[in-house]
Protein backbone atom coordinates (compact mmCIF):
# COMPACT_ATOMS: atom_id res chain seq x y z
CA MET A 1 -6.37 -17.40 7.95
CA SER A 2 -9.63 -18.81 9.28
CA ASN A 3 -10.21 -22.58 9.06
CA ALA A 4 -13.20 -21.90 6.81
CA ALA A 5 -11.01 -19.99 4.42
CA GLN A 6 -8.33 -22.73 4.43
CA THR A 7 -10.90 -25.51 3.88
CA GLN A 8 -12.69 -23.62 1.01
CA ALA A 9 -9.41 -22.60 -0.69
CA SER A 10 -7.92 -26.09 -0.55
CA SER A 11 -11.12 -28.01 -1.54
CA THR A 12 -12.02 -25.93 -4.62
CA ASN A 13 -8.52 -24.90 -5.79
CA GLU A 14 -6.31 -27.92 -5.10
CA ASN A 15 -3.32 -26.50 -7.05
CA VAL A 16 -3.39 -23.18 -5.31
CA GLU A 17 -2.41 -22.46 -1.74
CA VAL A 18 -3.60 -19.29 -0.04
CA VAL A 19 -1.56 -18.02 2.89
CA GLU A 20 -1.99 -15.10 5.17
CA CYS A 21 0.64 -12.39 5.38
CA LYS A 22 1.93 -12.41 8.96
CA THR A 23 5.33 -10.77 8.78
CA LYS A 24 6.89 -7.57 7.30
CA ALA A 25 8.62 -9.83 4.78
CA ASP A 26 5.28 -11.31 3.78
CA ARG A 27 3.85 -7.82 3.29
CA ARG A 28 6.80 -6.78 1.11
CA ARG A 29 6.31 -9.94 -1.07
CA PHE A 30 2.56 -8.98 -1.24
CA ILE A 31 3.45 -5.45 -2.46
CA ASP A 32 6.17 -6.55 -4.89
CA PHE A 33 3.83 -8.89 -6.70
CA GLN A 34 2.16 -5.96 -8.54
CA TRP A 35 5.27 -5.57 -10.77
CA GLU A 36 4.72 -9.13 -11.95
CA VAL A 37 1.07 -8.42 -13.01
CA TYR A 38 1.88 -5.16 -14.78
CA LYS A 39 5.34 -5.81 -16.20
CA ASN A 40 4.14 -5.48 -19.79
CA ASP A 41 1.50 -2.76 -19.18
CA ARG A 42 2.31 0.62 -20.65
CA TYR A 43 -0.34 2.46 -18.56
CA TRP A 44 0.18 1.21 -15.04
CA VAL A 45 1.70 3.66 -12.65
CA PRO A 46 3.80 1.88 -9.99
CA PRO A 47 3.53 3.09 -6.37
CA LEU A 48 6.43 4.03 -4.09
CA ILE A 49 7.22 0.89 -2.12
CA SER A 50 7.80 2.87 1.11
CA GLU A 51 4.34 4.42 0.80
CA ARG A 52 2.64 0.97 0.38
CA GLU A 53 4.63 -0.44 3.26
CA ALA A 54 3.34 2.30 5.46
CA PHE A 55 -0.17 1.92 4.15
CA TYR A 56 -0.32 -1.68 5.19
CA ASP A 57 1.38 -1.16 8.49
CA SER A 58 -1.19 -1.29 11.38
CA LYS A 59 1.06 0.94 13.46
CA LYS A 60 1.16 3.70 10.89
CA ASN A 61 -2.25 3.64 9.20
CA PRO A 62 -5.01 5.03 11.51
CA PHE A 63 -7.62 2.88 9.63
CA PHE A 64 -6.50 -0.03 11.78
CA GLU A 65 -7.51 1.83 14.96
CA HIS A 66 -11.23 1.13 14.16
CA SER A 67 -11.24 -1.69 11.63
CA SER A 68 -9.60 -4.99 10.64
CA VAL A 69 -7.70 -6.16 7.68
CA SER A 70 -6.06 -9.48 6.67
CA MET A 71 -3.82 -9.81 3.66
CA PHE A 72 -3.52 -12.99 1.67
CA MET A 73 -1.29 -14.38 -1.14
CA ALA A 74 -2.16 -17.13 -3.54
CA LEU A 75 0.78 -19.53 -4.21
CA ARG A 76 1.21 -21.95 -7.06
CA ASN A 77 4.30 -24.17 -6.52
CA GLY A 78 5.55 -21.65 -4.02
CA LYS A 79 5.35 -18.71 -6.40
CA VAL A 80 2.98 -15.84 -5.74
CA VAL A 81 0.21 -15.61 -8.38
CA GLY A 82 -2.23 -13.33 -6.65
CA THR A 83 -3.03 -11.12 -3.67
CA ILE A 84 -6.14 -9.92 -1.84
CA SER A 85 -7.00 -8.14 1.37
CA ALA A 86 -10.18 -8.89 3.37
CA ILE A 87 -11.60 -5.90 5.23
CA GLN A 88 -14.03 -5.30 8.03
CA ASN A 89 -14.72 -1.60 8.00
CA ASN A 90 -16.53 -0.98 11.21
CA ARG A 91 -17.16 2.70 10.54
CA HIS A 92 -18.81 1.88 7.24
CA ASN A 93 -21.21 -0.56 8.89
CA GLU A 94 -21.92 1.81 11.80
CA THR A 95 -22.61 4.64 9.35
CA HIS A 96 -24.82 2.69 6.96
CA HIS A 97 -26.30 0.18 9.30
CA GLU A 98 -25.01 -2.73 7.21
CA LYS A 99 -23.12 -5.88 7.57
CA THR A 100 -20.86 -5.41 4.58
CA GLY A 101 -17.37 -6.85 4.27
CA PHE A 102 -14.87 -5.62 1.70
CA PHE A 103 -12.05 -6.87 -0.43
CA GLY A 104 -9.14 -4.91 -1.92
CA SER A 105 -5.57 -5.19 -3.08
CA PHE A 106 -6.91 -7.71 -5.63
CA GLU A 107 -4.05 -8.51 -8.09
CA VAL A 108 -3.78 -11.77 -9.92
CA LEU A 109 -2.20 -13.21 -13.00
CA GLU A 110 -4.51 -14.35 -15.82
CA ASP A 111 -5.31 -17.38 -13.73
CA TYR A 112 -8.96 -17.77 -12.73
CA GLU A 113 -8.26 -20.69 -10.40
CA ALA A 114 -6.00 -18.42 -8.35
CA ALA A 115 -8.53 -15.56 -8.49
CA ARG A 116 -11.27 -17.90 -7.28
CA ALA A 117 -9.07 -19.10 -4.41
CA LEU A 118 -8.42 -15.55 -3.30
CA LEU A 119 -12.07 -14.55 -3.49
CA ASP A 120 -13.05 -17.73 -1.60
CA THR A 121 -10.69 -16.71 1.17
CA ALA A 122 -11.94 -13.14 1.40
CA ARG A 123 -15.56 -14.37 1.29
CA ALA A 124 -14.97 -16.84 4.16
CA TRP A 125 -13.05 -14.27 6.13
CA VAL A 126 -15.88 -11.72 6.11
CA GLN A 127 -18.59 -14.41 6.59
CA ALA A 128 -16.82 -15.63 9.68
CA ARG A 129 -17.25 -12.09 11.04
CA GLY A 130 -21.04 -12.01 10.37
CA MET A 131 -21.05 -10.08 7.13
CA THR A 132 -23.88 -10.62 4.64
CA VAL A 133 -22.34 -8.82 1.63
CA LEU A 134 -18.83 -8.82 0.10
CA ARG A 135 -18.03 -5.60 -1.73
CA GLY A 136 -15.06 -4.26 -3.60
CA PRO A 137 -12.54 -3.55 -4.67
CA THR A 138 -11.44 -0.85 -2.24
CA THR A 139 -8.22 -0.07 -0.44
CA PHE A 140 -9.36 0.22 2.31
CA SER A 141 -12.37 2.58 2.09
CA THR A 142 -13.95 5.08 -0.31
CA ASN A 143 -11.63 7.71 1.10
CA GLU A 144 -8.75 6.01 -0.80
CA GLU A 145 -8.34 4.39 -4.21
CA CYS A 146 -11.33 2.26 -4.93
CA GLY A 147 -13.39 0.76 -7.68
CA LEU A 148 -12.51 -1.60 -10.55
CA LEU A 149 -11.71 0.08 -13.90
CA VAL A 150 -14.27 -1.33 -16.32
CA ASP A 151 -14.07 1.13 -19.18
CA GLY A 152 -11.24 3.38 -20.35
CA PHE A 153 -8.11 1.26 -20.35
CA ASP A 154 -6.20 3.26 -22.96
CA ALA A 155 -4.74 5.94 -20.71
CA GLU A 156 -2.70 6.02 -17.55
CA PRO A 157 -4.73 6.65 -14.35
CA LYS A 158 -4.59 10.12 -12.79
CA VAL A 159 -3.25 10.64 -9.31
CA LEU A 160 -4.94 8.49 -6.58
CA MET A 161 -7.11 6.64 -9.13
CA SER A 162 -7.00 2.85 -9.54
CA TYR A 163 -5.99 0.76 -12.57
CA ASN A 164 -6.23 -2.90 -13.38
CA PRO A 165 -6.13 -5.37 -16.22
CA ARG A 166 -9.31 -5.94 -18.27
CA TYR A 167 -9.62 -9.59 -17.29
CA TYR A 168 -10.36 -8.68 -13.67
CA VAL A 169 -13.83 -7.63 -14.79
CA THR A 170 -14.38 -11.07 -16.30
CA PHE A 171 -13.00 -12.82 -13.21
CA LEU A 172 -15.25 -10.98 -10.75
CA GLU A 173 -18.36 -11.37 -12.84
CA ARG A 174 -17.68 -15.05 -13.53
CA TYR A 175 -17.34 -15.58 -9.74
CA GLY A 176 -20.82 -14.11 -9.25
CA PHE A 177 -20.21 -10.45 -8.37
CA THR A 178 -22.84 -7.92 -9.70
CA LYS A 179 -22.65 -4.24 -10.16
CA ALA A 180 -23.38 -2.21 -6.99
CA MET A 181 -22.37 1.29 -8.23
CA ASP A 182 -20.45 2.92 -11.02
CA LEU A 183 -18.00 5.86 -10.56
CA TYR A 184 -17.42 8.24 -13.36
CA ALA A 185 -14.24 9.99 -14.44
CA TRP A 186 -14.71 12.93 -16.81
CA TRP A 187 -11.95 14.51 -18.87
CA ALA A 188 -12.16 18.27 -19.64
CA ASN A 189 -9.72 19.62 -22.23
CA THR A 190 -8.67 23.15 -21.26
CA ASP A 191 -9.40 24.71 -24.66
CA THR A 192 -12.73 22.96 -24.94
CA ALA A 193 -13.76 23.93 -21.38
CA ALA A 194 -12.71 27.58 -21.85
CA HIS A 195 -14.72 27.77 -25.10
CA ALA A 196 -17.75 26.34 -23.27
CA ILE A 197 -17.50 28.51 -20.12
CA ILE A 198 -15.72 31.78 -20.94
CA GLY A 199 -18.30 34.36 -22.13
CA GLN A 200 -21.07 31.84 -21.61
CA ARG A 201 -23.93 31.41 -19.10
CA PHE A 202 -21.65 29.53 -16.63
CA GLU A 203 -19.23 32.43 -16.45
CA ARG A 204 -22.07 34.89 -15.88
CA VAL A 205 -23.48 32.77 -13.09
CA ALA A 206 -20.10 32.61 -11.38
CA GLU A 207 -19.41 36.30 -11.81
CA ALA A 208 -22.93 37.20 -10.50
CA ALA A 209 -22.42 35.02 -7.37
CA MET A 210 -19.08 36.67 -6.67
CA LYS A 211 -20.56 40.17 -7.10
CA ARG A 212 -23.41 39.46 -4.66
CA GLY A 213 -20.67 39.14 -2.08
CA LYS A 214 -22.56 36.77 0.17
CA PHE A 215 -19.53 34.47 0.36
CA THR A 216 -15.80 34.61 -0.42
CA VAL A 217 -13.57 32.16 -2.21
CA ARG A 218 -9.84 32.08 -1.55
CA ASN A 219 -6.93 29.85 -2.21
CA ALA A 220 -5.72 27.67 0.67
CA ASN A 221 -2.69 28.86 2.63
CA LEU A 222 -0.03 26.21 2.90
CA LYS A 223 1.59 28.09 5.81
CA LYS A 224 -1.51 27.37 7.86
CA PHE A 225 -1.78 23.84 6.58
CA ASP A 226 -3.22 22.15 9.71
CA LYS A 227 -5.89 24.85 10.14
CA GLU A 228 -6.86 24.65 6.48
CA VAL A 229 -7.11 20.81 6.75
CA ASP A 230 -9.52 21.36 9.65
CA LEU A 231 -11.69 23.70 7.56
CA ILE A 232 -11.73 21.22 4.63
CA LYS A 233 -12.74 18.43 7.05
CA LYS A 234 -15.78 20.47 8.24
CA VAL A 235 -17.04 20.77 4.70
CA TYR A 236 -16.09 17.22 3.65
CA ASN A 237 -18.14 15.67 6.42
CA GLN A 238 -21.14 17.79 5.66
CA ALA A 239 -21.04 17.87 1.84
CA TRP A 240 -20.48 14.12 1.34
CA VAL A 241 -22.57 12.68 4.16
CA ALA A 242 -25.46 11.67 1.92
CA ASN A 243 -23.34 10.04 -0.78
CA TRP A 244 -23.50 6.37 -1.40
CA GLY A 245 -20.74 4.55 0.43
CA PHE A 246 -19.39 7.65 2.19
CA VAL A 247 -17.75 7.04 5.59
CA PRO A 248 -16.63 10.09 7.61
CA PRO A 249 -12.89 9.73 8.30
CA THR A 250 -11.65 10.06 11.83
CA ASP A 251 -9.55 13.07 12.83
CA LYS A 252 -6.43 10.95 12.66
CA GLU A 253 -7.34 9.66 9.24
CA ILE A 254 -7.83 13.27 7.93
CA GLU A 255 -4.48 14.28 9.41
CA HIS A 256 -2.78 11.23 7.88
CA LEU A 257 -4.32 11.93 4.47
CA GLY A 258 -3.43 15.61 4.67
CA GLU A 259 0.22 14.76 5.43
CA GLY A 260 0.25 12.42 2.44
CA LEU A 261 -1.04 15.10 0.11
CA ARG A 262 1.01 17.95 1.53
CA GLN A 263 4.09 16.76 -0.44
CA PHE A 264 2.52 17.47 -3.78
CA VAL A 265 -0.54 19.68 -3.26
CA ASP A 266 -0.46 23.01 -5.16
CA THR A 267 -2.52 25.81 -3.52
CA ASP A 268 -3.22 27.38 -6.91
CA PHE A 269 -5.74 24.60 -7.27
CA VAL A 270 -7.25 24.48 -3.74
CA PHE A 271 -10.11 26.78 -2.94
CA ILE A 272 -12.08 27.38 0.21
CA ALA A 273 -15.41 29.14 0.19
CA GLU A 274 -16.37 30.94 3.43
CA LYS A 275 -19.33 32.87 4.83
CA ASP A 276 -19.21 34.82 8.09
CA GLY A 277 -15.90 33.14 8.87
CA GLU A 278 -17.25 29.59 8.42
CA PRO A 279 -16.28 27.21 5.57
CA ILE A 280 -19.19 26.41 3.24
CA GLY A 281 -17.43 24.79 0.27
CA VAL A 282 -14.10 23.36 -0.86
CA SER A 283 -12.43 22.39 -4.08
CA VAL A 284 -9.23 20.40 -4.08
CA SER A 285 -7.51 19.69 -7.32
CA LEU A 286 -4.24 17.73 -7.38
CA PRO A 287 -1.41 18.11 -9.88
CA ASN A 288 -1.26 14.88 -11.81
CA VAL A 289 2.03 13.64 -10.35
CA ASN A 290 1.29 10.18 -11.77
CA ARG A 291 3.02 11.36 -14.96
CA PRO A 292 6.49 12.02 -13.48
CA LEU A 293 5.99 8.99 -11.20
CA HIS A 294 5.39 6.82 -14.29
CA LEU A 295 8.53 8.12 -15.84
CA ALA A 296 10.58 7.57 -12.68
CA TYR A 297 9.07 4.09 -12.50
CA PRO A 298 9.56 2.86 -8.89
CA ASN A 299 10.38 -0.88 -8.71
CA PRO A 300 11.76 -3.36 -6.21
CA GLY A 301 15.11 -3.50 -7.88
CA THR A 302 15.90 0.24 -7.76
CA PRO A 303 16.93 2.18 -4.57
CA GLU A 304 13.96 4.47 -3.79
CA LEU A 305 16.20 7.53 -3.28
CA TRP A 306 17.22 7.20 -6.96
CA THR A 307 13.63 6.89 -7.92
CA LEU A 308 12.65 9.97 -5.91
CA LEU A 309 15.47 11.99 -7.52
CA LYS A 310 14.18 11.00 -11.01
CA PHE A 311 10.62 11.85 -9.96
CA LEU A 312 11.64 15.36 -8.85
CA TRP A 313 13.54 15.80 -12.12
CA TYR A 314 10.57 14.79 -14.24
CA ARG A 315 8.08 16.69 -12.10
CA ARG A 316 9.57 20.02 -13.15
CA ASN A 317 8.13 19.93 -16.66
CA THR A 318 5.78 16.84 -17.09
CA VAL A 319 2.82 17.83 -14.84
CA ASP A 320 0.50 19.16 -17.43
CA SER A 321 -2.93 18.27 -15.92
CA ILE A 322 -4.87 18.12 -12.73
CA ARG A 323 -7.43 15.88 -11.08
CA ILE A 324 -10.35 17.62 -9.34
CA TRP A 325 -10.20 15.30 -6.38
CA ALA A 326 -12.88 16.87 -4.16
CA LEU A 327 -15.49 19.54 -4.80
CA GLY A 328 -18.32 19.98 -2.35
CA VAL A 329 -20.67 22.51 -0.85
CA VAL A 330 -22.48 22.15 2.35
CA PRO A 331 -26.25 21.52 1.72
CA LYS A 332 -27.51 24.98 2.83
CA TYR A 333 -25.44 26.77 0.14
CA ARG A 334 -25.72 24.46 -2.82
CA MET A 335 -27.91 26.84 -4.87
CA SER A 336 -25.90 29.92 -4.26
CA GLY A 337 -23.29 29.52 -7.02
CA VAL A 338 -20.46 28.45 -4.72
CA ASP A 339 -19.64 25.37 -6.89
CA ALA A 340 -19.70 27.46 -10.05
CA VAL A 341 -17.25 29.97 -8.67
CA MET A 342 -14.80 27.28 -7.53
CA ILE A 343 -14.96 25.54 -10.93
CA TYR A 344 -14.54 28.86 -12.70
CA LYS A 345 -11.39 29.67 -10.58
CA THR A 346 -10.01 26.21 -11.18
CA LEU A 347 -10.31 26.68 -14.97
CA GLN A 348 -8.57 30.10 -14.66
CA ALA A 349 -5.79 28.53 -12.76
CA ILE A 350 -5.39 25.73 -15.36
CA MET A 351 -5.26 28.35 -18.12
CA ARG A 352 -2.62 30.46 -16.28
CA ARG A 353 -0.51 27.36 -15.82
CA LYS A 354 -1.02 26.40 -19.49
CA MET A 355 -2.16 22.86 -18.56
CA VAL A 356 -3.84 20.67 -21.08
CA GLY A 357 -6.86 19.75 -18.94
CA GLY A 358 -8.23 18.02 -15.95
CA GLU A 359 -10.00 14.97 -14.80
CA LEU A 360 -13.09 15.33 -12.62
CA SER A 361 -13.27 12.12 -10.58
CA TRP A 362 -14.64 10.17 -9.19
CA ILE A 363 -18.32 11.09 -9.40
CA LEU A 364 -21.05 8.65 -8.44
CA GLU A 365 -23.23 7.77 -11.43
CA THR A 366 -26.29 8.70 -9.22
CA ASN A 367 -24.94 12.13 -8.35
CA ASP A 368 -27.18 13.89 -10.96
CA ALA A 369 -26.53 17.37 -9.66
CA MET A 370 -22.75 17.15 -9.99
CA ASN A 371 -22.82 15.37 -13.25
CA ARG A 372 -25.09 18.11 -14.61
CA VAL A 373 -22.77 20.89 -13.44
CA ILE A 374 -19.84 19.16 -14.99
CA GLN A 375 -21.53 19.26 -18.41
CA PHE A 376 -20.98 23.01 -18.62
CA ALA A 377 -17.34 22.29 -19.34
CA ASN A 378 -18.24 19.99 -22.23
CA PRO A 379 -16.23 17.07 -20.91
CA THR A 380 -15.84 13.48 -22.07
CA LEU A 381 -16.80 10.52 -19.84
CA TYR A 382 -13.66 8.66 -20.61
CA LYS A 383 -13.33 6.15 -17.66
CA LYS A 384 -15.73 4.16 -15.57
CA TYR A 385 -14.92 2.38 -12.29
CA ARG A 386 -17.25 -0.10 -10.57
CA PHE A 387 -18.04 -1.41 -7.09
CA TYR A 388 -19.15 -5.01 -7.12
CA ASP A 389 -21.27 -6.80 -4.55
CA LEU A 390 -21.68 -10.47 -3.77
CA LYS A 391 -24.46 -11.52 -1.47
CA LEU A 392 -23.36 -14.11 1.07
CA ASP A 393 -25.84 -16.83 1.51
CA GLY A 394 -23.41 -19.64 2.34
CA SER A 395 -23.42 -21.19 -1.17
CA ASN A 396 -20.63 -21.36 -3.59
CA PRO A 397 -20.83 -19.27 -6.77
């Protein structure tokens, strides 16, 4: 921890000590603390501990090849009462020509003094590196789980979406953070979406686009996984480049993400649009494996092998929804019906599999085009996530 962070934490929060995680044992303590925060929460979906350990390991996560992260714990009488990570995402700042620092892994008991000590520490850490804004939460970039849940606490999060107690909103706003951007999560019930699309204008648009034959849409081929990931990467970096906060992942980050998704991706829900042999659109929907993971309930006191066996057992018959994780079309083909065809095919797949519905997330509140397209499925805006900013002018909030 920097001297500035130590001084600020000790001077404003005398009963709370903030320490930096330096060892593997520290990181494990950092990870395990989540179970203390959410021990009475019916909706929180615990992560696999081995996955979190690998995520925070600088030798395994390619994010650390270009950027820096420090992990901190808040202690009260030697007991962990909160955690935070301070992040310098160099690729973000290079892409957006900013000096923005980030915070993530923000977990804290209902203890504002501890929350303030953690935020003081992250603030001092990024200021010491010349940052002028502190933004978050994000773990570690917009290519992973990010945003603070601010509306829609009465349902478990879908796969790769974040979750947090309601009081985190109060803590961040009390500290002085203000809204930077909201992220929308829409829920589309299968029967409702089918009624709104089948036999309606949306279906006619999709069918007309397919009949024109100017592009093809196919399911991904898991046997050619690496090649398919390369195609998806080409579209991803073109289709999302203008989005707020988007940072193009490195090749190693794409490969790392692909390997992480490979274990539960279902090609019935992955579509690649092509024209003249080149990818022009992708749609990747993920089975909501959060449901069986929640039932298996990983925890520090249970051997992970046993947890994985329970997960595989529950996965057989409890995955009844999907999350449309990524849907994008390269700019040149956005008015050609590619997105409509991929959405239509996704709905057909959901119906064949007799699933109850799907979440479309996350969508920037400013992405008017996508939010308009989504309306054809007659969805419900049922969750909102928020990025917060704090301008760093050297004064205390």
